[in-house]
N, C-alpha and C. Protein backbone atom coordinates (compact mmCIF):
# COMPACT_ATOMS: atom_id res chain seq x y z
N MET A 1 0.86 -1.09 0.05
CA MET A 1 -0.06 -0.08 0.06
C MET A 1 0.83 1.27 -0.01
N ALA A 2 0.43 2.22 -0.66
CA ALA A 2 1.17 3.52 -0.65
C ALA A 2 0.96 4.28 0.62
N GLN A 3 2.00 4.94 1.03
CA GLN A 3 1.89 5.80 2.21
C GLN A 3 1.41 7.21 1.75
N HIS A 4 0.47 7.66 2.60
CA HIS A 4 0.03 8.99 2.39
C HIS A 4 0.39 9.96 3.46
N SER A 5 0.97 11.08 3.23
CA SER A 5 1.23 12.02 4.24
C SER A 5 0.14 12.95 4.59
N SER A 6 0.07 13.62 5.70
CA SER A 6 -1.02 14.39 6.09
C SER A 6 -1.01 15.78 5.30
N THR A 7 0.11 16.05 4.69
CA THR A 7 0.10 17.36 3.94
C THR A 7 -0.53 17.02 2.49
N ALA A 8 -0.99 18.01 1.97
CA ALA A 8 -1.55 17.91 0.54
C ALA A 8 -0.40 17.78 -0.46
N GLU A 9 -0.57 16.79 -1.19
CA GLU A 9 0.45 16.47 -2.31
C GLU A 9 0.17 17.57 -3.53
N GLY A 10 1.20 17.94 -4.16
CA GLY A 10 1.02 18.75 -5.25
C GLY A 10 1.07 20.32 -4.86
N HIS A 11 1.17 20.63 -3.63
CA HIS A 11 1.22 21.93 -3.15
C HIS A 11 2.68 22.19 -2.73
N ASP A 12 3.15 23.32 -3.02
CA ASP A 12 4.51 23.69 -2.68
C ASP A 12 4.56 24.03 -1.21
N SER A 13 5.27 23.18 -0.43
CA SER A 13 5.35 23.42 1.04
C SER A 13 6.28 24.53 1.29
N HIS A 14 7.01 24.92 0.37
CA HIS A 14 8.11 26.02 0.65
C HIS A 14 7.57 27.36 0.15
N ALA A 15 6.26 27.55 -0.08
CA ALA A 15 5.67 28.76 -0.61
C ALA A 15 6.03 29.89 0.31
N SER A 16 6.21 31.02 -0.32
CA SER A 16 6.63 32.24 0.50
C SER A 16 5.40 32.83 1.15
N HIS A 17 5.19 32.47 2.48
CA HIS A 17 4.11 33.04 3.22
C HIS A 17 4.83 33.98 4.18
N GLY A 18 4.03 34.98 4.63
CA GLY A 18 4.57 35.99 5.58
C GLY A 18 4.82 35.46 7.01
N SER A 19 5.71 36.11 7.60
CA SER A 19 6.10 35.84 9.00
C SER A 19 5.06 36.73 9.85
N VAL A 20 4.99 36.44 11.11
CA VAL A 20 4.20 37.25 11.95
C VAL A 20 4.71 38.71 11.90
N LYS A 21 6.00 38.85 11.81
CA LYS A 21 6.59 40.27 11.71
C LYS A 21 6.00 41.02 10.58
N SER A 22 6.09 40.35 9.34
CA SER A 22 5.61 41.01 8.16
C SER A 22 4.09 41.44 8.25
N TYR A 23 3.29 40.46 8.95
CA TYR A 23 1.89 40.77 9.06
C TYR A 23 1.67 41.95 9.98
N LEU A 24 2.45 41.98 10.97
CA LEU A 24 2.37 43.03 11.92
C LEU A 24 2.72 44.42 11.35
N VAL A 25 3.85 44.45 10.57
CA VAL A 25 4.33 45.61 9.83
C VAL A 25 3.21 46.05 8.87
N GLY A 26 2.54 45.08 8.07
CA GLY A 26 1.53 45.46 7.14
C GLY A 26 0.32 46.01 7.94
N PHE A 27 -0.05 45.44 9.06
CA PHE A 27 -1.13 45.90 9.84
C PHE A 27 -0.94 47.28 10.32
N VAL A 28 0.17 47.55 10.92
CA VAL A 28 0.56 48.87 11.37
C VAL A 28 0.53 49.90 10.25
N LEU A 29 1.13 49.55 9.09
CA LEU A 29 1.10 50.57 8.00
C LEU A 29 -0.29 50.86 7.54
N CYS A 30 -1.18 49.84 7.60
CA CYS A 30 -2.60 50.05 7.16
C CYS A 30 -3.26 50.92 8.19
N ILE A 31 -2.98 50.64 9.45
CA ILE A 31 -3.69 51.52 10.46
C ILE A 31 -3.22 53.06 10.41
N VAL A 32 -1.85 53.19 10.06
CA VAL A 32 -1.32 54.47 9.93
C VAL A 32 -1.90 55.24 8.68
N LEU A 33 -2.02 54.52 7.54
CA LEU A 33 -2.54 55.15 6.27
C LEU A 33 -4.06 55.41 6.58
N THR A 34 -4.79 54.58 7.24
CA THR A 34 -6.24 54.83 7.50
C THR A 34 -6.31 56.10 8.34
N ALA A 35 -5.53 56.16 9.44
CA ALA A 35 -5.50 57.23 10.28
C ALA A 35 -5.15 58.60 9.57
N MET A 36 -4.26 58.52 8.71
CA MET A 36 -3.92 59.66 7.88
C MET A 36 -5.04 60.10 7.00
N SER A 37 -5.70 59.20 6.35
CA SER A 37 -6.91 59.46 5.54
C SER A 37 -8.04 60.14 6.39
N PHE A 38 -8.19 59.59 7.54
CA PHE A 38 -9.21 60.09 8.46
C PHE A 38 -8.87 61.50 8.89
N GLY A 39 -7.53 61.73 9.13
CA GLY A 39 -7.10 63.03 9.58
C GLY A 39 -7.25 64.11 8.41
N VAL A 40 -7.08 63.65 7.20
CA VAL A 40 -7.26 64.55 6.15
C VAL A 40 -8.71 65.06 6.07
N VAL A 41 -9.67 64.23 6.33
CA VAL A 41 -11.04 64.55 6.20
C VAL A 41 -11.46 65.33 7.41
N MET A 42 -11.09 64.88 8.69
CA MET A 42 -11.54 65.38 9.92
C MET A 42 -11.10 66.70 10.32
N THR A 43 -9.81 66.93 9.99
CA THR A 43 -9.15 68.27 10.47
C THR A 43 -9.52 69.36 9.57
N GLY A 44 -9.80 69.13 8.33
CA GLY A 44 -10.07 70.15 7.41
C GLY A 44 -8.91 71.03 7.04
N ALA A 45 -7.77 70.62 7.41
CA ALA A 45 -6.49 71.39 6.97
C ALA A 45 -6.30 71.41 5.53
N VAL A 46 -6.70 70.28 4.80
CA VAL A 46 -6.61 70.24 3.30
C VAL A 46 -7.99 70.18 2.79
N THR A 47 -8.25 71.13 1.88
CA THR A 47 -9.74 71.04 1.33
C THR A 47 -9.65 70.90 -0.18
N GLY A 48 -10.85 70.71 -0.75
CA GLY A 48 -10.99 70.77 -2.20
C GLY A 48 -10.24 69.57 -2.94
N PHE A 49 -9.70 69.96 -4.02
CA PHE A 49 -9.01 68.97 -4.89
C PHE A 49 -7.78 68.35 -4.18
N ALA A 50 -7.14 69.20 -3.34
CA ALA A 50 -5.86 68.57 -2.68
C ALA A 50 -6.32 67.57 -1.64
N ALA A 51 -7.42 67.70 -0.99
CA ALA A 51 -7.97 66.72 -0.15
C ALA A 51 -8.26 65.42 -0.82
N VAL A 52 -8.91 65.48 -2.00
CA VAL A 52 -9.30 64.32 -2.82
C VAL A 52 -8.02 63.64 -3.36
N ALA A 53 -7.07 64.50 -3.75
CA ALA A 53 -5.86 63.88 -4.23
C ALA A 53 -5.01 63.18 -3.08
N ALA A 54 -5.04 63.82 -1.89
CA ALA A 54 -4.39 63.17 -0.72
C ALA A 54 -5.08 61.78 -0.44
N ILE A 55 -6.30 61.82 -0.36
CA ILE A 55 -7.06 60.58 -0.08
C ILE A 55 -6.91 59.51 -1.07
N VAL A 56 -6.80 59.88 -2.42
CA VAL A 56 -6.60 58.96 -3.44
C VAL A 56 -5.18 58.35 -3.31
N VAL A 57 -4.15 59.18 -3.04
CA VAL A 57 -2.82 58.78 -2.95
C VAL A 57 -2.75 57.81 -1.64
N LEU A 58 -3.28 58.16 -0.53
CA LEU A 58 -3.27 57.31 0.63
C LEU A 58 -3.94 55.95 0.34
N CYS A 59 -5.07 55.93 -0.48
CA CYS A 59 -5.75 54.83 -0.81
C CYS A 59 -4.89 53.86 -1.60
N VAL A 60 -4.27 54.42 -2.60
CA VAL A 60 -3.32 53.54 -3.43
C VAL A 60 -2.23 52.92 -2.72
N LEU A 61 -1.67 53.76 -1.73
CA LEU A 61 -0.55 53.30 -0.93
C LEU A 61 -1.07 52.19 0.04
N GLN A 62 -2.28 52.32 0.51
CA GLN A 62 -2.82 51.21 1.35
C GLN A 62 -3.08 49.97 0.47
N LEU A 63 -3.56 50.15 -0.71
CA LEU A 63 -3.72 48.94 -1.64
C LEU A 63 -2.45 48.23 -1.83
N LEU A 64 -1.41 49.06 -2.13
CA LEU A 64 -0.03 48.37 -2.36
C LEU A 64 0.52 47.64 -1.10
N VAL A 65 0.28 48.32 0.06
CA VAL A 65 0.60 47.65 1.34
C VAL A 65 -0.01 46.29 1.47
N GLN A 66 -1.34 46.33 1.24
CA GLN A 66 -2.16 45.15 1.39
C GLN A 66 -1.74 43.96 0.39
N LEU A 67 -1.46 44.44 -0.86
CA LEU A 67 -1.04 43.49 -1.85
C LEU A 67 0.37 42.79 -1.45
N VAL A 68 1.30 43.64 -0.98
CA VAL A 68 2.58 43.12 -0.69
C VAL A 68 2.57 42.33 0.64
N PHE A 69 2.02 42.89 1.73
CA PHE A 69 2.20 42.23 3.03
C PHE A 69 1.13 41.18 3.20
N PHE A 70 -0.02 41.23 2.68
CA PHE A 70 -1.06 40.17 3.03
C PHE A 70 -1.28 39.30 1.82
N LEU A 71 -1.24 39.71 0.60
CA LEU A 71 -1.53 38.86 -0.53
C LEU A 71 -0.13 38.32 -1.05
N HIS A 72 0.98 38.81 -0.60
CA HIS A 72 2.29 38.40 -0.96
C HIS A 72 2.59 38.55 -2.48
N MET A 73 2.07 39.57 -3.05
CA MET A 73 2.33 39.87 -4.44
C MET A 73 3.74 40.50 -4.46
N GLY A 74 4.50 39.99 -5.33
CA GLY A 74 5.95 40.36 -5.43
C GLY A 74 6.51 40.02 -6.86
N THR A 75 7.75 40.30 -6.98
CA THR A 75 8.41 40.02 -8.20
C THR A 75 9.31 38.81 -8.19
N SER A 76 9.19 38.04 -7.04
CA SER A 76 9.96 36.82 -6.93
C SER A 76 9.44 35.78 -7.98
N PRO A 77 10.27 34.81 -8.38
CA PRO A 77 9.86 33.85 -9.43
C PRO A 77 8.61 33.06 -9.03
N GLU A 78 8.40 32.87 -7.75
CA GLU A 78 7.19 32.09 -7.35
C GLU A 78 5.99 32.88 -7.55
N GLN A 79 6.04 34.18 -7.55
CA GLN A 79 4.90 35.08 -7.51
C GLN A 79 4.64 35.68 -8.92
N ARG A 80 5.43 35.49 -9.85
CA ARG A 80 5.26 36.11 -11.17
C ARG A 80 3.93 35.82 -11.90
N GLU A 81 3.58 34.60 -11.73
CA GLU A 81 2.24 34.12 -12.31
C GLU A 81 1.13 34.94 -11.72
N ASN A 82 1.17 34.93 -10.46
CA ASN A 82 -0.04 35.72 -9.62
C ASN A 82 0.01 37.16 -10.03
N LEU A 83 1.22 37.71 -10.05
CA LEU A 83 1.39 39.14 -10.30
C LEU A 83 0.94 39.44 -11.79
N SER A 84 1.28 38.62 -12.69
CA SER A 84 0.83 38.84 -14.16
C SER A 84 -0.70 38.75 -14.20
N SER A 85 -1.30 37.75 -13.55
CA SER A 85 -2.75 37.64 -13.55
C SER A 85 -3.35 38.80 -12.96
N PHE A 86 -2.80 39.33 -11.89
CA PHE A 86 -3.45 40.57 -11.21
C PHE A 86 -3.27 41.82 -12.17
N VAL A 87 -2.17 41.98 -12.74
CA VAL A 87 -1.99 43.09 -13.65
C VAL A 87 -2.99 42.96 -14.86
N PHE A 88 -3.12 41.81 -15.43
CA PHE A 88 -4.03 41.54 -16.51
C PHE A 88 -5.52 41.95 -16.15
N THR A 89 -5.86 41.54 -14.92
CA THR A 89 -7.22 41.79 -14.37
C THR A 89 -7.40 43.29 -14.21
N VAL A 90 -6.47 43.92 -13.66
CA VAL A 90 -6.53 45.45 -13.52
C VAL A 90 -6.70 46.05 -14.86
N LEU A 91 -5.84 45.68 -15.84
CA LEU A 91 -5.92 46.19 -17.20
C LEU A 91 -7.34 46.07 -17.73
N ILE A 92 -7.88 44.88 -17.72
CA ILE A 92 -9.23 44.54 -18.30
C ILE A 92 -10.24 45.53 -17.57
N ILE A 93 -10.18 45.53 -16.25
CA ILE A 93 -11.16 46.45 -15.51
C ILE A 93 -10.99 47.81 -15.98
N ALA A 94 -9.78 48.30 -16.07
CA ALA A 94 -9.63 49.69 -16.57
C ALA A 94 -10.17 49.98 -17.98
N ILE A 95 -9.96 49.01 -18.81
CA ILE A 95 -10.51 49.15 -20.09
C ILE A 95 -12.08 49.25 -20.08
N ILE A 96 -12.65 48.32 -19.41
CA ILE A 96 -14.12 48.31 -19.30
C ILE A 96 -14.68 49.66 -18.66
N VAL A 97 -14.03 50.07 -17.51
CA VAL A 97 -14.52 51.26 -16.81
C VAL A 97 -14.27 52.42 -17.76
N GLY A 98 -13.02 52.57 -18.18
CA GLY A 98 -12.73 53.69 -18.99
C GLY A 98 -13.56 53.84 -20.34
N GLY A 99 -13.76 52.68 -20.99
CA GLY A 99 -14.51 52.63 -22.14
C GLY A 99 -16.01 52.95 -21.83
N SER A 100 -16.48 52.52 -20.83
CA SER A 100 -17.88 52.83 -20.45
C SER A 100 -18.05 54.33 -20.20
N ALA A 101 -17.09 54.97 -19.46
CA ALA A 101 -17.19 56.39 -19.22
C ALA A 101 -16.96 57.17 -20.43
N TRP A 102 -16.16 56.70 -21.36
CA TRP A 102 -15.99 57.39 -22.63
C TRP A 102 -17.28 57.33 -23.41
N VAL A 103 -17.84 56.28 -23.60
CA VAL A 103 -19.18 56.04 -24.29
C VAL A 103 -20.21 56.88 -23.69
N LEU A 104 -20.37 56.83 -22.27
CA LEU A 104 -21.37 57.72 -21.69
C LEU A 104 -21.19 59.23 -21.87
N HIS A 105 -19.96 59.56 -21.87
CA HIS A 105 -19.53 61.09 -22.06
C HIS A 105 -20.00 61.44 -23.53
N ASN A 106 -19.53 60.60 -24.46
CA ASN A 106 -19.87 60.93 -25.87
C ASN A 106 -21.42 60.92 -26.12
N MET A 107 -22.11 59.96 -25.45
CA MET A 107 -23.52 59.89 -25.69
C MET A 107 -24.08 61.26 -25.10
N ASN A 108 -23.71 61.73 -23.86
CA ASN A 108 -24.31 62.99 -23.38
C ASN A 108 -23.84 64.07 -24.14
N ALA A 109 -22.58 64.19 -24.69
CA ALA A 109 -22.22 65.34 -25.54
C ALA A 109 -22.99 65.42 -26.84
N ASN A 110 -23.32 64.28 -27.41
CA ASN A 110 -23.84 64.34 -28.82
C ASN A 110 -25.40 64.07 -28.78
N MET A 111 -26.07 64.06 -27.70
CA MET A 111 -27.50 63.95 -27.67
C MET A 111 -28.08 65.34 -28.09
N MET A 112 -29.24 65.22 -28.76
CA MET A 112 -29.98 66.42 -29.08
C MET A 112 -30.59 67.04 -27.95
N PRO A 113 -30.55 68.41 -27.85
CA PRO A 113 -31.13 69.11 -26.70
C PRO A 113 -32.69 68.99 -26.74
N MET A 114 -33.40 68.84 -25.58
CA MET A 114 -34.72 68.73 -25.65
C MET A 114 -35.45 70.04 -25.41
């Protein structure tokens, strides 16, 4: 009879998972970025377009922190397939959203006035 181990066969047991330290660093960075976004809104020190730009920048930074520290997206050889799938997905979503916005803008600009 064949011996079966308790680990799942076919899975890479040496996959790069984060350590407790990396998860804590990611968590602290996310808390700091969230607090900064909250501070931009609640203090009122930055208003208008600058506030929106600051929130968008902080949002993108938090997205990158979560991708690196929690989803382990990176440029290592083990992660290249996941990274390329993610980039392709983002590209397709950008094309769909951008194309829809473009079509709706052109429809609005070219409609006859009532």
